[in-house]
PDB file of N, CA and C in Angstrom:
ATOM      1  N   MET A   1     -51.341 -47.885  23.165  1.00  0.00           N
ATOM      2  CA  MET A   1     -50.420 -48.344  22.140  1.00  0.00           C
ATOM      3  C   MET A   1     -50.335 -47.263  21.055  1.00  0.00           C
ATOM      4  N   SER A   2     -49.138 -46.938  20.642  1.00  0.00           N
ATOM      5  CA  SER A   2     -48.945 -45.915  19.606  1.00  0.00           C
ATOM      6  C   SER A   2     -49.325 -46.466  18.233  1.00  0.00           C
ATOM      7  N   ILE A   3     -49.504 -45.580  17.283  1.00  0.00           N
ATOM      8  CA  ILE A   3     -49.851 -46.004  15.929  1.00  0.00           C
ATOM      9  C   ILE A   3     -48.752 -46.875  15.331  1.00  0.00           C
ATOM     10  N   ILE A   4     -47.507 -46.541  15.567  1.00  0.00           N
ATOM     11  CA  ILE A   4     -46.408 -47.363  15.038  1.00  0.00           C
ATOM     12  C   ILE A   4     -46.451 -48.757  15.658  1.00  0.00           C
ATOM     13  N   GLU A   5     -46.732 -48.837  16.947  1.00  0.00           N
ATOM     14  CA  GLU A   5     -46.843 -50.143  17.605  1.00  0.00           C
ATOM     15  C   GLU A   5     -48.004 -50.936  17.017  1.00  0.00           C
ATOM     16  N   LYS A   6     -49.120 -50.278  16.740  1.00  0.00           N
ATOM     17  CA  LYS A   6     -50.255 -50.968  16.120  1.00  0.00           C
ATOM     18  C   LYS A   6     -49.908 -51.457  14.725  1.00  0.00           C
ATOM     19  N   ILE A   7     -49.200 -50.641  13.974  1.00  0.00           N
ATOM     20  CA  ILE A   7     -48.785 -51.035  12.621  1.00  0.00           C
ATOM     21  C   ILE A   7     -47.858 -52.243  12.702  1.00  0.00           C
ATOM     22  N   ASN A   8     -46.878 -52.179  13.578  1.00  0.00           N
ATOM     23  CA  ASN A   8     -45.931 -53.281  13.702  1.00  0.00           C
ATOM     24  C   ASN A   8     -46.577 -54.558  14.227  1.00  0.00           C
ATOM     25  N   ALA A   9     -47.626 -54.416  15.052  1.00  0.00           N
ATOM     26  CA  ALA A   9     -48.293 -55.576  15.640  1.00  0.00           C
ATOM     27  C   ALA A   9     -49.350 -56.182  14.725  1.00  0.00           C
ATOM     28  N   ALA A  10     -49.726 -55.484  13.664  1.00  0.00           N
ATOM     29  CA  ALA A  10     -50.758 -56.000  12.763  1.00  0.00           C
ATOM     30  C   ALA A  10     -50.314 -57.334  12.175  1.00  0.00           C
ATOM     31  N   THR A  11     -51.205 -58.308  12.244  1.00  0.00           N
ATOM     32  CA  THR A  11     -50.880 -59.633  11.709  1.00  0.00           C
ATOM     33  C   THR A  11     -51.583 -59.906  10.392  1.00  0.00           C
ATOM     34  N   ASN A  12     -52.476 -58.992   9.995  1.00  0.00           N
ATOM     35  CA  ASN A  12     -53.141 -59.135   8.699  1.00  0.00           C
ATOM     36  C   ASN A  12     -53.477 -57.739   8.181  1.00  0.00           C
ATOM     37  N   THR A  13     -53.861 -57.685   6.914  1.00  0.00           N
ATOM     38  CA  THR A  13     -54.103 -56.380   6.301  1.00  0.00           C
ATOM     39  C   THR A  13     -55.347 -55.699   6.867  1.00  0.00           C
ATOM     40  N   ASN A  14     -56.297 -56.455   7.388  1.00  0.00           N
ATOM     41  CA  ASN A  14     -57.476 -55.833   8.007  1.00  0.00           C
ATOM     42  C   ASN A  14     -57.083 -55.059   9.254  1.00  0.00           C
ATOM     43  N   GLU A  15     -56.245 -55.646  10.093  1.00  0.00           N
ATOM     44  CA  GLU A  15     -55.768 -54.950  11.297  1.00  0.00           C
ATOM     45  C   GLU A  15     -54.969 -53.709  10.916  1.00  0.00           C
ATOM     46  N   LEU A  16     -54.126 -53.859   9.918  1.00  0.00           N
ATOM     47  CA  LEU A  16     -53.305 -52.737   9.465  1.00  0.00           C
ATOM     48  C   LEU A  16     -54.188 -51.614   8.926  1.00  0.00           C
ATOM     49  N   SER A  17     -55.156 -51.954   8.110  1.00  0.00           N
ATOM     50  CA  SER A  17     -56.064 -50.952   7.547  1.00  0.00           C
ATOM     51  C   SER A  17     -56.818 -50.212   8.642  1.00  0.00           C
ATOM     52  N   ALA A  18     -57.289 -50.937   9.642  1.00  0.00           N
ATOM     53  CA  ALA A  18     -58.026 -50.299  10.735  1.00  0.00           C
ATOM     54  C   ALA A  18     -57.151 -49.286  11.461  1.00  0.00           C
ATOM     55  N   ALA A  19     -55.915 -49.652  11.727  1.00  0.00           N
ATOM     56  CA  ALA A  19     -54.997 -48.751  12.419  1.00  0.00           C
ATOM     57  C   ALA A  19     -54.711 -47.509  11.578  1.00  0.00           C
ATOM     58  N   VAL A  20     -54.460 -47.717  10.288  1.00  0.00           N
ATOM     59  CA  VAL A  20     -54.130 -46.594   9.415  1.00  0.00           C
ATOM     60  C   VAL A  20     -55.345 -45.697   9.187  1.00  0.00           C
ATOM     61  N   GLU A  21     -56.516 -46.292   9.040  1.00  0.00           N
ATOM     62  CA  GLU A  21     -57.718 -45.483   8.851  1.00  0.00           C
ATOM     63  C   GLU A  21     -57.964 -44.583  10.065  1.00  0.00           C
ATOM     64  N   ALA A  22     -57.764 -45.121  11.257  1.00  0.00           N
ATOM     65  CA  ALA A  22     -57.923 -44.302  12.472  1.00  0.00           C
ATOM     66  C   ALA A  22     -56.886 -43.180  12.489  1.00  0.00           C
ATOM     67  N   TYR A  23     -55.660 -43.485  12.099  1.00  0.00           N
ATOM     68  CA  TYR A  23     -54.608 -42.467  12.050  1.00  0.00           C
ATOM     69  C   TYR A  23     -54.962 -41.379  11.030  1.00  0.00           C
ATOM     70  N   LEU A  24     -55.385 -41.794   9.838  1.00  0.00           N
ATOM     71  CA  LEU A  24     -55.731 -40.817   8.809  1.00  0.00           C
ATOM     72  C   LEU A  24     -56.871 -39.918   9.267  1.00  0.00           C
ATOM     73  N   ALA A  25     -57.853 -40.486   9.942  1.00  0.00           N
ATOM     74  CA  ALA A  25     -58.958 -39.675  10.470  1.00  0.00           C
ATOM     75  C   ALA A  25     -58.437 -38.673  11.501  1.00  0.00           C
ATOM     76  N   SER A  26     -57.479 -39.103  12.314  1.00  0.00           N
ATOM     77  CA  SER A  26     -56.964 -38.227  13.370  1.00  0.00           C
ATOM     78  C   SER A  26     -56.190 -37.032  12.816  1.00  0.00           C
ATOM     79  N   ILE A  27     -55.668 -37.166  11.595  1.00  0.00           N
ATOM     80  CA  ILE A  27     -54.936 -36.048  10.991  1.00  0.00           C
ATOM     81  C   ILE A  27     -55.748 -35.375   9.879  1.00  0.00           C
ATOM     82  N   GLY A  28     -57.027 -35.732   9.778  1.00  0.00           N
ATOM     83  CA  GLY A  28     -57.912 -35.094   8.814  1.00  0.00           C
ATOM     84  C   GLY A  28     -57.664 -35.469   7.373  1.00  0.00           C
ATOM     85  N   GLN A  29     -57.107 -36.647   7.154  1.00  0.00           N
ATOM     86  CA  GLN A  29     -56.780 -37.070   5.797  1.00  0.00           C
ATOM     87  C   GLN A  29     -57.601 -38.274   5.333  1.00  0.00           C
ATOM     88  N   ASP A  30     -58.573 -38.704   6.129  1.00  0.00           N
ATOM     89  CA  ASP A  30     -59.308 -39.914   5.779  1.00  0.00           C
ATOM     90  C   ASP A  30     -60.025 -39.796   4.435  1.00  0.00           C
ATOM     91  N   GLU A  31     -60.689 -38.693   4.182  1.00  0.00           N
ATOM     92  CA  GLU A  31     -61.390 -38.511   2.901  1.00  0.00           C
ATOM     93  C   GLU A  31     -60.409 -38.243   1.757  1.00  0.00           C
ATOM     94  N   LEU A  32     -59.397 -37.445   2.022  1.00  0.00           N
ATOM     95  CA  LEU A  32     -58.434 -37.089   0.983  1.00  0.00           C
ATOM     96  C   LEU A  32     -57.582 -38.270   0.538  1.00  0.00           C
ATOM     97  N   ALA A  33     -57.415 -39.254   1.402  1.00  0.00           N
ATOM     98  CA  ALA A  33     -56.555 -40.396   1.095  1.00  0.00           C
ATOM     99  C   ALA A  33     -57.287 -41.522   0.369  1.00  0.00           C
ATOM    100  N   ARG A  34     -58.589 -41.418   0.234  1.00  0.00           N
ATOM    101  CA  ARG A  34     -59.353 -42.488  -0.429  1.00  0.00           C
ATOM    102  C   ARG A  34     -58.810 -42.715  -1.834  1.00  0.00           C
ATOM    103  N   GLY A  35     -58.559 -43.971  -2.153  1.00  0.00           N
ATOM    104  CA  GLY A  35     -58.058 -44.335  -3.472  1.00  0.00           C
ATOM    105  C   GLY A  35     -56.548 -44.257  -3.615  1.00  0.00           C
ATOM    106  N   GLU A  36     -55.871 -43.793  -2.581  1.00  0.00           N
ATOM    107  CA  GLU A  36     -54.407 -43.709  -2.619  1.00  0.00           C
ATOM    108  C   GLU A  36     -53.801 -44.852  -1.811  1.00  0.00           C
ATOM    109  N   SER A  37     -52.628 -45.281  -2.223  1.00  0.00           N
ATOM    110  CA  SER A  37     -51.870 -46.214  -1.384  1.00  0.00           C
ATOM    111  C   SER A  37     -51.303 -45.419  -0.208  1.00  0.00           C
ATOM    112  N   TYR A  38     -50.834 -46.136   0.793  1.00  0.00           N
ATOM    113  CA  TYR A  38     -50.222 -45.445   1.935  1.00  0.00           C
ATOM    114  C   TYR A  38     -49.023 -44.628   1.469  1.00  0.00           C
ATOM    115  N   GLY A  39     -48.264 -45.179   0.545  1.00  0.00           N
ATOM    116  CA  GLY A  39     -47.098 -44.473   0.015  1.00  0.00           C
ATOM    117  C   GLY A  39     -47.471 -43.218  -0.753  1.00  0.00           C
ATOM    118  N   GLU A  40     -48.546 -43.286  -1.530  1.00  0.00           N
ATOM    119  CA  GLU A  40     -49.003 -42.115  -2.269  1.00  0.00           C
ATOM    120  C   GLU A  40     -49.452 -41.007  -1.320  1.00  0.00           C
ATOM    121  N   THR A  41     -50.158 -41.397  -0.278  1.00  0.00           N
ATOM    122  CA  THR A  41     -50.598 -40.399   0.706  1.00  0.00           C
ATOM    123  C   THR A  41     -49.396 -39.787   1.408  1.00  0.00           C
ATOM    124  N   ALA A  42     -48.431 -40.625   1.776  1.00  0.00           N
ATOM    125  CA  ALA A  42     -47.216 -40.111   2.424  1.00  0.00           C
ATOM    126  C   ALA A  42     -46.516 -39.104   1.515  1.00  0.00           C
ATOM    127  N   ALA A  43     -46.404 -39.426   0.236  1.00  0.00           N
ATOM    128  CA  ALA A  43     -45.745 -38.525  -0.705  1.00  0.00           C
ATOM    129  C   ALA A  43     -46.527 -37.228  -0.857  1.00  0.00           C
ATOM    130  N   ARG A  44     -47.848 -37.324  -0.934  1.00  0.00           N
ATOM    131  CA  ARG A  44     -48.677 -36.121  -1.067  1.00  0.00           C
ATOM    132  C   ARG A  44     -48.516 -35.210   0.135  1.00  0.00           C
ATOM    133  N   LEU A  45     -48.282 -35.806   1.294  1.00  0.00           N
ATOM    134  CA  LEU A  45     -48.099 -35.029   2.519  1.00  0.00           C
ATOM    135  C   LEU A  45     -46.665 -34.522   2.684  1.00  0.00           C
ATOM    136  N   GLY A  46     -45.823 -34.802   1.709  1.00  0.00           N
ATOM    137  CA  GLY A  46     -44.443 -34.337   1.780  1.00  0.00           C
ATOM    138  C   GLY A  46     -43.555 -35.247   2.608  1.00  0.00           C
ATOM    139  N   GLY A  47     -43.997 -36.484   2.788  1.00  0.00           N
ATOM    140  CA  GLY A  47     -43.269 -37.462   3.596  1.00  0.00           C
ATOM    141  C   GLY A  47     -43.985 -37.668   4.917  1.00  0.00           C
ATOM    142  N   ASN A  48     -44.188 -38.920   5.269  1.00  0.00           N
ATOM    143  CA  ASN A  48     -44.868 -39.241   6.515  1.00  0.00           C
ATOM    144  C   ASN A  48     -44.355 -40.598   6.970  1.00  0.00           C
ATOM    145  N   ASP A  49     -43.562 -40.603   8.039  1.00  0.00           N
ATOM    146  CA  ASP A  49     -42.938 -41.840   8.507  1.00  0.00           C
ATOM    147  C   ASP A  49     -43.946 -42.918   8.866  1.00  0.00           C
ATOM    148  N   ILE A  50     -45.078 -42.524   9.410  1.00  0.00           N
ATOM    149  CA  ILE A  50     -46.088 -43.507   9.815  1.00  0.00           C
ATOM    150  C   ILE A  50     -46.676 -44.206   8.597  1.00  0.00           C
ATOM    151  N   LEU A  51     -47.042 -43.448   7.590  1.00  0.00           N
ATOM    152  CA  LEU A  51     -47.624 -44.050   6.398  1.00  0.00           C
ATOM    153  C   LEU A  51     -46.592 -44.844   5.597  1.00  0.00           C
ATOM    154  N   GLU A  52     -45.364 -44.379   5.605  1.00  0.00           N
ATOM    155  CA  GLU A  52     -44.305 -45.138   4.933  1.00  0.00           C
ATOM    156  C   GLU A  52     -44.084 -46.474   5.634  1.00  0.00           C
ATOM    157  N   ARG A  53     -44.128 -46.475   6.968  1.00  0.00           N
ATOM    158  CA  ARG A  53     -43.997 -47.727   7.723  1.00  0.00           C
ATOM    159  C   ARG A  53     -45.188 -48.635   7.460  1.00  0.00           C
ATOM    160  N   ALA A  54     -46.389 -48.052   7.367  1.00  0.00           N
ATOM    161  CA  ALA A  54     -47.585 -48.840   7.096  1.00  0.00           C
ATOM    162  C   ALA A  54     -47.498 -49.518   5.727  1.00  0.00           C
ATOM    163  N   GLU A  55     -46.992 -48.793   4.740  1.00  0.00           N
ATOM    164  CA  GLU A  55     -46.857 -49.402   3.416  1.00  0.00           C
ATOM    165  C   GLU A  55     -45.848 -50.559   3.455  1.00  0.00           C
ATOM    166  N   ALA A  56     -44.745 -50.356   4.130  1.00  0.00           N
ATOM    167  CA  ALA A  56     -43.755 -51.425   4.245  1.00  0.00           C
ATOM    168  C   ALA A  56     -44.353 -52.632   4.966  1.00  0.00           C
ATOM    169  N   ARG A  57     -45.121 -52.372   6.029  1.00  0.00           N
ATOM    170  CA  ARG A  57     -45.746 -53.467   6.788  1.00  0.00           C
ATOM    171  C   ARG A  57     -46.749 -54.213   5.926  1.00  0.00           C
ATOM    172  N   TRP A  58     -47.479 -53.507   5.076  1.00  0.00           N
ATOM    173  CA  TRP A  58     -48.443 -54.154   4.161  1.00  0.00           C
ATOM    174  C   TRP A  58     -47.716 -55.202   3.321  1.00  0.00           C
ATOM    175  N   PHE A  59     -46.578 -54.816   2.751  1.00  0.00           N
ATOM    176  CA  PHE A  59     -45.835 -55.737   1.899  1.00  0.00           C
ATOM    177  C   PHE A  59     -45.211 -56.876   2.716  1.00  0.00           C
ATOM    178  N   GLU A  60     -44.827 -56.615   3.952  1.00  0.00           N
ATOM    179  CA  GLU A  60     -44.350 -57.694   4.807  1.00  0.00           C
ATOM    180  C   GLU A  60     -45.440 -58.724   5.050  1.00  0.00           C
ATOM    181  N   ILE A  61     -46.629 -58.240   5.362  1.00  0.00           N
ATOM    182  CA  ILE A  61     -47.760 -59.141   5.616  1.00  0.00           C
ATOM    183  C   ILE A  61     -48.115 -59.921   4.353  1.00  0.00           C
ATOM    184  N   GLU A  62     -48.239 -59.219   3.248  1.00  0.00           N
ATOM    185  CA  GLU A  62     -48.591 -59.866   1.994  1.00  0.00           C
ATOM    186  C   GLU A  62     -47.531 -60.867   1.546  1.00  0.00           C
ATOM    187  N   GLY A  63     -46.276 -60.585   1.876  1.00  0.00           N
ATOM    188  CA  GLY A  63     -45.182 -61.462   1.468  1.00  0.00           C
ATOM    189  C   GLY A  63     -44.943 -62.607   2.444  1.00  0.00           C
ATOM    190  N   GLY A  64     -45.705 -62.660   3.511  1.00  0.00           N
ATOM    191  CA  GLY A  64     -45.550 -63.736   4.476  1.00  0.00           C
ATOM    192  C   GLY A  64     -44.506 -63.490   5.527  1.00  0.00           C
ATOM    193  N   ALA A  65     -44.053 -62.250   5.673  1.00  0.00           N
ATOM    194  CA  ALA A  65     -43.029 -61.941   6.671  1.00  0.00           C
ATOM    195  C   ALA A  65     -43.652 -61.456   7.978  1.00  0.00           C
ATOM    196  N   ALA A  66     -44.918 -61.746   8.168  1.00  0.00           N
ATOM    197  CA  ALA A  66     -45.607 -61.292   9.380  1.00  0.00           C
ATOM    198  C   ALA A  66     -45.062 -61.990  10.531  1.00  0.00           C
TER     199      ALA A  66
END
């Protein structure tokens, strides 16, 4: 399953966090991203579709649109 599929399939923020943390580790950003929102990390990287999707999914889950 791709990272985008994992993000889209996440039904709670714990699942989403696990998927994103694994992705961040795979691109060497796990330590650098600590304390940042997914959107902040995406912006720092000059734009990142995966992290932007993860941030949107976070708000969908939190808003009950899961």
